[in-house]
Protein backbone atom coordinates (compact mmCIF):
# COMPACT_ATOMS: atom_id res chain seq x y z
CA UNK A 1 -44.61 -95.23 4.59
CA UNK A 2 -44.25 -91.50 4.89
CA UNK A 3 -45.55 -88.09 3.88
CA UNK A 4 -43.96 -86.47 0.87
CA UNK A 5 -42.88 -82.90 1.48
CA UNK A 6 -42.68 -80.23 -1.19
CA UNK A 7 -38.93 -80.17 -1.78
CA UNK A 8 -35.59 -80.87 -0.14
CA UNK A 9 -34.77 -78.80 2.92
CA UNK A 10 -33.45 -75.36 2.06
CA UNK A 11 -31.04 -75.88 4.90
CA UNK A 12 -28.81 -78.89 4.44
CA UNK A 13 -28.48 -81.45 7.25
CA UNK A 14 -25.10 -79.96 8.09
CA UNK A 15 -26.42 -76.39 8.26
CA UNK A 16 -29.67 -76.34 10.22
CA UNK A 17 -31.68 -73.14 10.70
CA UNK A 18 -31.29 -71.11 13.91
CA UNK A 19 -32.79 -72.85 16.91
CA UNK A 20 -34.15 -71.59 20.24
CA UNK A 21 -32.12 -71.83 23.43
CA UNK A 22 -31.87 -75.41 24.64
CA UNK A 23 -30.62 -77.17 27.72
CA UNK A 24 -27.20 -78.77 27.94
CA UNK A 25 -25.99 -80.99 30.76
CA UNK A 26 -23.08 -80.10 32.97
CA UNK A 27 -21.32 -83.32 32.05
CA UNK A 28 -21.24 -83.84 28.30
CA UNK A 29 -23.77 -86.48 27.21
CA UNK A 30 -23.08 -86.36 23.45
CA UNK A 31 -26.41 -86.28 21.70
CA UNK A 32 -27.32 -88.53 18.79
CA UNK A 33 -28.01 -86.89 15.47
CA UNK A 34 -28.52 -88.91 12.31
CA UNK A 35 -27.55 -86.95 9.25
CA UNK A 36 -27.69 -83.48 10.86
CA UNK A 37 -25.67 -81.18 13.07
CA UNK A 38 -26.18 -80.76 16.78
CA UNK A 39 -27.59 -77.47 18.02
CA UNK A 40 -25.58 -75.13 20.26
CA UNK A 41 -26.51 -75.13 23.92
CA UNK A 42 -27.67 -71.89 25.46
CA UNK A 43 -27.96 -73.19 29.01
CA UNK A 44 -25.73 -75.42 31.09
CA UNK A 45 -27.94 -76.90 33.80
CA UNK A 46 -26.73 -79.57 36.15
CA UNK A 47 -28.06 -83.00 35.35
CA UNK A 48 -27.26 -85.05 38.42
CA UNK A 49 -30.59 -86.78 38.51
CA UNK A 50 -30.86 -90.27 39.88
CA UNK A 51 -31.09 -93.00 37.29
CA UNK A 52 -34.30 -94.98 37.34
CA UNK A 53 -34.17 -98.58 38.46
CA UNK A 54 -34.93 -99.82 34.96
CA UNK A 55 -31.69 -98.25 33.70
CA UNK A 56 -29.42 -99.56 36.46
CA UNK A 57 -27.31 -102.61 35.79
CA UNK A 58 -28.12 -105.58 37.99
CA UNK A 59 -25.66 -106.14 40.82
CA UNK A 60 -23.06 -108.72 39.92
CA UNK A 61 -20.25 -110.35 41.76
CA UNK A 62 -16.75 -108.93 41.37
CA UNK A 63 -15.26 -111.97 39.67
CA UNK A 64 -18.18 -112.25 37.24
CA UNK A 65 -17.96 -108.54 36.36
CA UNK A 66 -14.21 -108.78 35.82
CA UNK A 67 -14.67 -111.81 33.58
CA UNK A 68 -17.36 -110.02 31.56
CA UNK A 69 -15.12 -106.97 31.13
CA UNK A 70 -12.28 -109.22 30.06
CA UNK A 71 -14.49 -110.82 27.42
CA UNK A 72 -15.57 -107.41 26.13
CA UNK A 73 -11.97 -106.19 25.88
CA UNK A 74 -11.03 -109.40 24.10
CA UNK A 75 -13.86 -108.75 21.63
CA UNK A 76 -12.32 -105.38 20.78
CA UNK A 77 -13.93 -102.92 23.17
CA UNK A 78 -11.63 -100.41 24.94
CA UNK A 79 -11.17 -101.13 28.65
CA UNK A 80 -12.38 -97.65 29.72
CA UNK A 81 -15.69 -98.18 27.90
CA UNK A 82 -16.24 -101.69 29.24
CA UNK A 83 -15.48 -100.59 32.81
CA UNK A 84 -18.07 -97.79 32.81
CA UNK A 85 -20.58 -98.81 30.13
CA UNK A 86 -20.39 -102.59 30.06
CA UNK A 87 -24.18 -103.00 30.18
CA UNK A 88 -24.67 -100.71 27.15
CA UNK A 89 -22.35 -102.72 24.91
CA UNK A 90 -23.24 -106.17 26.25
CA UNK A 91 -23.79 -108.66 23.44
CA UNK A 92 -22.44 -106.36 20.73
CA UNK A 93 -19.16 -106.53 18.80
CA UNK A 94 -17.51 -103.25 17.74
CA UNK A 95 -17.26 -102.45 14.04
CA UNK A 96 -13.88 -101.52 12.60
CA UNK A 97 -13.32 -97.92 11.53
CA UNK A 98 -11.91 -99.04 8.17
CA UNK A 99 -15.24 -100.69 7.32
CA UNK A 100 -16.71 -97.23 6.68
CA UNK A 101 -15.78 -94.69 4.04
CA UNK A 102 -16.44 -91.09 5.03
CA UNK A 103 -18.15 -89.06 2.29
CA UNK A 104 -18.65 -85.69 3.91
CA UNK A 105 -18.68 -83.95 7.27
CA UNK A 106 -22.26 -82.83 7.77
CA UNK A 107 -22.34 -81.60 11.34
CA UNK A 108 -20.29 -80.54 14.32
CA UNK A 109 -21.20 -80.21 17.97
CA UNK A 110 -19.41 -79.42 21.20
CA UNK A 111 -18.47 -83.04 21.83
CA UNK A 112 -18.96 -84.73 18.46
CA UNK A 113 -18.74 -84.60 14.69
CA UNK A 114 -21.26 -86.13 12.30
CA UNK A 115 -20.29 -87.64 8.96
CA UNK A 116 -22.15 -88.99 5.99
CA UNK A 117 -20.45 -92.30 5.22
CA UNK A 118 -20.72 -95.50 3.24
CA UNK A 119 -20.68 -98.91 4.88
CA UNK A 120 -18.14 -100.73 2.71
CA UNK A 121 -19.57 -104.10 3.73
CA UNK A 122 -23.23 -103.46 2.84
CA UNK A 123 -22.86 -100.42 0.58
CA UNK A 124 -25.46 -98.60 2.68
CA UNK A 125 -25.23 -94.85 3.29
CA UNK A 126 -25.14 -94.13 7.03
CA UNK A 127 -24.58 -91.29 9.48
CA UNK A 128 -21.48 -91.69 11.67
CA UNK A 129 -21.37 -89.70 14.86
CA UNK A 130 -17.88 -89.50 16.33
CA UNK A 131 -18.04 -88.89 20.08
CA UNK A 132 -14.96 -87.56 21.82
CA UNK A 133 -14.31 -88.39 25.48
CA UNK A 134 -11.73 -85.88 26.66
CA UNK A 135 -9.85 -87.29 29.64
CA UNK A 136 -12.26 -90.27 29.53
CA UNK A 137 -14.35 -88.81 32.36
CA UNK A 138 -16.60 -91.60 33.71
CA UNK A 139 -19.61 -89.27 34.04
CA UNK A 140 -19.49 -88.40 30.33
CA UNK A 141 -19.18 -92.07 29.41
CA UNK A 142 -22.15 -92.94 31.66
CA UNK A 143 -24.37 -90.38 29.92
CA UNK A 144 -23.38 -91.86 26.57
CA UNK A 145 -24.05 -95.34 27.91
CA UNK A 146 -27.57 -94.35 28.95
CA UNK A 147 -28.29 -93.04 25.45
CA UNK A 148 -27.03 -96.28 23.91
CA UNK A 149 -29.15 -98.35 26.31
CA UNK A 150 -32.22 -96.29 25.42
CA UNK A 151 -31.62 -96.60 21.68
CA UNK A 152 -31.13 -100.36 21.99
CA UNK A 153 -34.44 -100.67 23.85
CA UNK A 154 -36.36 -98.91 21.06
CA UNK A 155 -37.37 -100.54 17.78
CA UNK A 156 -39.99 -98.67 15.77
CA UNK A 157 -40.32 -97.29 12.21
CA UNK A 158 -40.69 -93.75 13.60
CA UNK A 159 -37.66 -93.88 15.92
CA UNK A 160 -34.14 -93.55 14.51
CA UNK A 161 -32.24 -96.83 14.70
CA UNK A 162 -28.77 -97.31 16.14
CA UNK A 163 -27.14 -99.78 13.75
CA UNK A 164 -23.88 -100.29 15.61
CA UNK A 165 -20.82 -98.87 17.34
CA UNK A 166 -17.33 -98.33 15.97
CA UNK A 167 -14.23 -98.29 18.19
CA UNK A 168 -11.10 -100.26 19.06
CA UNK A 169 -9.15 -101.32 22.14
CA UNK A 170 -6.70 -98.41 21.76
CA UNK A 171 -9.28 -95.76 20.83
CA UNK A 172 -10.38 -92.82 23.02
CA UNK A 173 -13.44 -92.13 20.88
CA UNK A 174 -16.59 -93.89 19.80
CA UNK A 175 -18.59 -93.78 16.58
CA UNK A 176 -22.35 -94.31 16.67
CA UNK A 177 -23.74 -95.68 13.42
CA UNK A 178 -27.23 -94.49 12.44
CA UNK A 179 -29.43 -94.80 9.41
CA UNK A 180 -28.99 -91.73 7.22
CA UNK A 181 -31.87 -89.25 6.89
CA UNK A 182 -31.80 -86.47 4.32
CA UNK A 183 -33.77 -83.75 6.13
CA UNK A 184 -35.20 -82.56 9.41
CA UNK A 185 -38.62 -81.06 9.98
CA UNK A 186 -37.25 -77.71 11.16
CA UNK A 187 -35.24 -77.30 7.96
CA UNK A 188 -38.27 -77.95 5.79
CA UNK A 189 -40.52 -75.70 7.86
CA UNK A 190 -37.98 -72.87 7.63
CA UNK A 191 -38.13 -72.83 3.83
CA UNK A 192 -40.25 -69.88 2.59
CA UNK A 193 -41.33 -71.97 -0.41
CA UNK A 194 -42.95 -74.68 1.69
CA UNK A 195 -46.42 -74.51 3.19
CA UNK A 196 -47.52 -77.78 4.70
CA UNK A 197 -51.01 -78.91 3.77
CA UNK A 198 -53.45 -80.26 6.34
CA UNK A 199 -53.02 -83.89 5.17
CA UNK A 200 -49.23 -83.53 5.37
CA UNK A 201 -49.43 -82.15 8.90
CA UNK A 202 -51.71 -85.00 9.93
CA UNK A 203 -49.28 -87.47 8.41
CA UNK A 204 -46.25 -86.06 10.22
CA UNK A 205 -48.13 -85.83 13.52
CA UNK A 206 -49.36 -89.40 13.21
CA UNK A 207 -45.78 -90.59 12.78
CA UNK A 208 -44.54 -88.42 15.67
CA UNK A 209 -47.24 -89.65 18.03
CA UNK A 210 -46.67 -93.26 16.94
CA UNK A 211 -42.98 -92.93 17.75
CA UNK A 212 -43.75 -91.32 21.11
CA UNK A 213 -46.26 -94.04 21.93
CA UNK A 214 -43.54 -96.63 21.39
CA UNK A 215 -41.02 -94.69 23.51
CA UNK A 216 -43.47 -94.25 26.37
CA UNK A 217 -44.60 -97.88 26.22
CA UNK A 218 -40.93 -98.89 26.54
CA UNK A 219 -40.43 -96.62 29.57
CA UNK A 220 -38.54 -93.83 27.80
CA UNK A 221 -39.11 -90.07 27.96
CA UNK A 222 -37.47 -88.21 25.07
CA UNK A 223 -37.40 -84.80 26.80
CA UNK A 224 -36.33 -82.77 23.75
CA UNK A 225 -38.97 -83.04 21.05
CA UNK A 226 -38.52 -80.24 18.48
CA UNK A 227 -38.40 -79.89 14.70
CA UNK A 228 -34.64 -80.34 14.33
CA UNK A 229 -34.87 -83.66 16.21
CA UNK A 230 -37.51 -85.02 13.84
CA UNK A 231 -35.69 -86.44 10.82
CA UNK A 232 -37.23 -87.09 7.40
CA UNK A 233 -36.14 -89.07 4.39
CA UNK A 234 -37.03 -88.35 0.78
CA UNK A 235 -40.10 -90.57 1.06
CA UNK A 236 -41.55 -88.49 3.90
CA UNK A 237 -40.81 -91.03 6.63
CA UNK A 238 -40.41 -89.28 9.98
CA UNK A 239 -38.16 -90.59 12.75
CA UNK A 240 -37.60 -89.25 16.26
CA UNK A 241 -33.89 -88.67 16.86
CA UNK A 242 -31.44 -87.24 19.39
CA UNK A 243 -31.95 -89.14 22.65
CA UNK A 244 -29.14 -87.30 24.45
CA UNK A 245 -31.55 -85.87 27.03
CA UNK A 246 -33.81 -88.92 27.17
CA UNK A 247 -34.34 -90.89 30.34
CA UNK A 248 -35.84 -94.13 31.51
CA UNK A 249 -38.92 -93.77 33.68
CA UNK A 250 -41.33 -96.01 35.53
CA UNK A 251 -44.69 -94.42 36.44
CA UNK A 252 -45.08 -96.96 39.26
CA UNK A 253 -41.66 -96.23 40.77
CA UNK A 254 -41.19 -92.51 40.39
CA UNK A 255 -37.88 -90.92 41.18
CA UNK A 256 -36.82 -87.26 40.98
CA UNK A 257 -35.64 -86.07 37.56
CA UNK A 258 -34.09 -82.80 36.46
CA UNK A 259 -36.36 -80.01 35.22
CA UNK A 260 -33.56 -78.60 33.05
CA UNK A 261 -34.55 -80.44 29.90
CA UNK A 262 -36.48 -79.71 26.67
CA UNK A 263 -35.55 -76.82 24.37
CA UNK A 264 -37.09 -73.59 25.70
CA UNK A 265 -39.77 -72.98 23.03
CA UNK A 266 -41.11 -76.50 23.51
CA UNK A 267 -40.70 -76.76 27.28
CA UNK A 268 -43.92 -77.37 29.28
CA UNK A 269 -44.94 -75.07 32.15
CA UNK A 270 -44.37 -77.64 34.89
CA UNK A 271 -40.67 -77.87 33.99
CA UNK A 272 -40.36 -74.08 33.90
CA UNK A 273 -41.89 -74.10 37.38
CA UNK A 274 -39.25 -76.55 38.59
CA UNK A 275 -41.11 -79.88 38.59
CA UNK A 276 -38.98 -82.97 39.26
CA UNK A 277 -41.87 -85.43 39.25
CA UNK A 278 -43.23 -85.66 35.71
CA UNK A 279 -44.06 -88.12 32.97
CA UNK A 280 -45.17 -88.47 29.36
CA UNK A 281 -46.90 -85.07 29.47
CA UNK A 282 -43.59 -83.28 28.83
CA UNK A 283 -43.24 -84.94 25.41
CA UNK A 284 -46.91 -84.43 24.56
CA UNK A 285 -46.68 -80.69 25.28
CA UNK A 286 -43.75 -80.46 22.84
CA UNK A 287 -45.77 -82.41 20.25
CA UNK A 288 -48.61 -79.90 20.66
CA UNK A 289 -46.19 -77.05 20.00
CA UNK A 290 -44.97 -78.85 16.85
CA UNK A 291 -48.54 -79.37 15.58
CA UNK A 292 -49.47 -75.70 16.03
CA UNK A 293 -46.16 -74.61 14.52
CA UNK A 294 -46.68 -76.66 11.36
CA UNK A 295 -50.13 -75.18 10.85
CA UNK A 296 -49.13 -71.61 11.77
CA UNK A 297 -45.92 -71.62 9.76
CA UNK A 298 -43.71 -70.44 12.64
CA UNK A 299 -43.01 -71.26 16.31
CA UNK A 300 -45.98 -70.29 18.46
CA UNK A 301 -44.17 -69.36 21.70
CA UNK A 302 -40.61 -68.18 20.95
CA UNK A 303 -39.49 -66.98 24.37
CA UNK A 304 -35.98 -65.62 24.95
CA UNK A 305 -35.80 -66.43 28.66
CA UNK A 306 -37.57 -68.82 31.00
CA UNK A 307 -39.56 -65.96 32.49
CA UNK A 308 -40.67 -64.74 29.07
CA UNK A 309 -41.47 -68.29 27.98
CA UNK A 310 -43.74 -68.86 30.97
CA UNK A 311 -45.44 -65.52 30.30
CA UNK A 312 -46.11 -66.50 26.68
CA UNK A 313 -47.54 -69.83 27.84
CA UNK A 314 -49.91 -68.16 30.31
CA UNK A 315 -51.04 -65.60 27.70
CA UNK A 316 -51.92 -68.34 25.19
CA UNK A 317 -52.91 -71.30 27.35
CA UNK A 318 -54.18 -69.51 30.44
CA UNK A 319 -52.66 -69.58 33.90
CA UNK A 320 -53.06 -72.61 36.18
CA UNK A 321 -56.12 -72.88 38.39
CA UNK A 322 -55.87 -72.41 42.14
CA UNK A 323 -56.50 -76.14 42.52
CA UNK A 324 -53.47 -76.90 40.33
CA UNK A 325 -51.21 -74.52 42.24
CA UNK A 326 -52.21 -76.22 45.51
CA UNK A 327 -51.86 -79.83 44.38
CA UNK A 328 -48.66 -79.44 42.34
CA UNK A 329 -46.58 -77.66 45.00
CA UNK A 330 -44.04 -76.66 42.35
CA UNK A 331 -40.74 -75.15 43.58
CA UNK A 332 -41.04 -71.88 41.62
CA UNK A 333 -44.79 -71.39 42.08
CA UNK A 334 -44.48 -68.47 44.49
CA UNK A 335 -42.10 -66.64 42.14
CA UNK A 336 -44.00 -67.07 38.87
CA UNK A 337 -47.63 -67.25 39.95
CA UNK A 338 -49.36 -64.28 38.25
CA UNK A 339 -51.25 -61.81 40.43
CA UNK A 340 -54.21 -61.91 38.03
CA UNK A 341 -55.26 -65.11 36.21
CA UNK A 342 -54.84 -65.30 32.43
CA UNK A 343 -57.68 -66.43 30.18
CA UNK A 344 -57.09 -69.34 27.79
CA UNK A 345 -56.98 -68.04 24.19
CA UNK A 346 -56.01 -71.02 22.04
CA UNK A 347 -59.25 -71.19 20.06
CA UNK A 348 -59.39 -67.51 19.24
CA UNK A 349 -55.67 -67.35 18.44
CA UNK A 350 -55.82 -70.32 16.07
CA UNK A 351 -59.40 -69.87 14.85
CA UNK A 352 -58.37 -70.59 11.24
CA UNK A 353 -56.95 -74.02 12.10
CA UNK A 354 -58.94 -77.15 11.15
CA UNK A 355 -61.31 -78.03 13.99
CA UNK A 356 -59.93 -81.54 14.42
CA UNK A 357 -56.38 -80.21 14.77
CA UNK A 358 -57.54 -77.41 17.08
CA UNK A 359 -59.12 -79.91 19.46
CA UNK A 360 -55.91 -81.93 19.59
CA UNK A 361 -53.86 -78.78 20.26
CA UNK A 362 -56.26 -77.89 23.09
CA UNK A 363 -55.58 -81.28 24.67
CA UNK A 364 -51.80 -81.40 24.14
CA UNK A 365 -51.32 -77.83 25.40
CA UNK A 366 -53.27 -78.34 28.60
CA UNK A 367 -51.64 -76.51 31.51
CA UNK A 368 -52.19 -79.49 33.81
CA UNK A 369 -50.09 -82.39 32.44
CA UNK A 370 -52.73 -84.85 33.67
CA UNK A 371 -55.12 -83.38 31.09
CA UNK A 372 -52.78 -84.03 28.15
CA UNK A 373 -53.67 -87.73 28.20
CA UNK A 374 -51.28 -90.05 26.29
CA UNK A 375 -49.83 -90.51 22.82
CA UNK A 376 -52.19 -93.47 22.36
CA UNK A 377 -55.20 -91.29 23.13
CA UNK A 378 -53.94 -88.59 20.76
CA UNK A 379 -53.61 -91.15 17.97
CA UNK A 380 -57.30 -91.95 18.39
CA UNK A 381 -58.32 -88.30 18.03
CA UNK A 382 -60.19 -86.92 15.03
CA UNK A 383 -56.98 -85.29 13.83
CA UNK A 384 -55.37 -88.72 13.37
CA UNK A 385 -58.25 -91.02 12.56
CA UNK A 386 -58.02 -90.56 8.77
CA UNK A 387 -54.24 -90.63 8.64
CA UNK A 388 -54.01 -94.17 7.25
CA UNK A 389 -55.60 -92.93 4.03
CA UNK A 390 -53.35 -89.87 4.08
CA UNK A 391 -50.27 -92.06 4.42
CA UNK A 392 -51.30 -94.08 1.39
CA UNK A 393 -51.87 -90.86 -0.56
CA UNK A 394 -48.41 -89.46 0.19
CA UNK A 395 -46.30 -92.57 -0.15
CA UNK A 396 -44.93 -92.64 -3.67
CA UNK A 397 -41.92 -94.27 -5.22
CA UNK A 398 -38.44 -92.78 -5.18
CA UNK A 399 -38.57 -92.40 -8.96
CA UNK A 400 -41.76 -90.33 -8.73
CA UNK A 401 -40.20 -88.25 -5.96
CA UNK A 402 -37.07 -87.56 -8.03
CA UNK A 403 -39.22 -86.47 -10.96
CA UNK A 404 -41.13 -84.16 -8.66
CA UNK A 405 -37.94 -82.47 -7.42
CA UNK A 406 -36.80 -81.89 -11.02
CA UNK A 407 -40.14 -80.31 -11.84
CA UNK A 408 -39.95 -78.15 -8.76
CA UNK A 409 -36.56 -76.71 -9.70
CA UNK A 410 -37.83 -75.98 -13.22
CA UNK A 411 -40.99 -74.19 -12.18
CA UNK A 412 -39.86 -72.71 -8.81
CA UNK A 413 -43.31 -73.35 -7.42
CA UNK A 414 -44.97 -76.16 -5.56
CA UNK A 415 -46.89 -78.27 -8.05
CA UNK A 416 -47.73 -81.14 -5.74
CA UNK A 417 -50.54 -80.08 -3.42
CA UNK A 418 -53.26 -82.15 -1.80
CA UNK A 419 -56.20 -80.90 0.14
């Protein structure tokens, strides 16, 4: 079930609206995008973080590993992929490139192209992401392998599904096969003709938080939640996509992670202050930014630099307490700690927001990540408690949806509104 939006995105999946500066790894981990283009990277931070234990392959004997690689190559996998990413493709058989018919090129990134295609076996429309591995650098392949492992671990209606991989023994590229989604939330929000209603916002947020709950329960941090990574179909179903910056994590066995993740406008203060020990709070902060953005009609903290972004956060959310500065011991604390404390102004800034949503924003945009709670707790908030009824209200048939779009084009005004 999903939430029906007012009309198709004014910006097609292949031409997304301008996006804020976002992080990009030093080695190219091609990022997954189902039915949309990748966004240009404005930063190139190093991402040499240590992989968590849950993402490391179990030690195996040399002869066993060689035999496993031999079996994978015999099954059709290229030797370079099996040697570096054997765990990611274990148990899978590659699809043949000629089993898909490309319909249109809908996106292009630094390291990949995205195509709308038809599966000639099932007839299903899919998104094919072609990933190029120039010089077959092992580090690039490892990043891709981690993304594949993460996607294979996840299985939820609100998380995009990896349906398969396409390659051959002689190929130097890899296609990722995803379910096709017609829109992304950023494209819809950028349309001047669309104003999301409160029930619609609740519906989208419920789906986002449900997807995040599943990710976190499975030991995965997304680390780049933003509108263009939240895909929507014509029935209003929302799915979290683009796990190129995602990472495995274990709260009981913490290991240092890079702070150079999350697109700038949605990046939490602890990452801007250089934190390498963090958890689910980074995704929840981004979700809070999304919620406020949907209600406000525009991004709430559009900083141009990290310094400006941190300043905008302090002006809206208040500066950290002395207790937080002392306990966090963040690397950049001495540089960015304001001389005078800032007062929290969320309630007065968003005084016209529904009270239930305002309370959830207050929680998700807490300066101290420990105060942001969890996705499960957010789903139990007043802002989500009535969403089951909202979902039923907005889930209509494809025929009804098509009729609505025809009516919209004829009248040039939104005629489907719920309060």
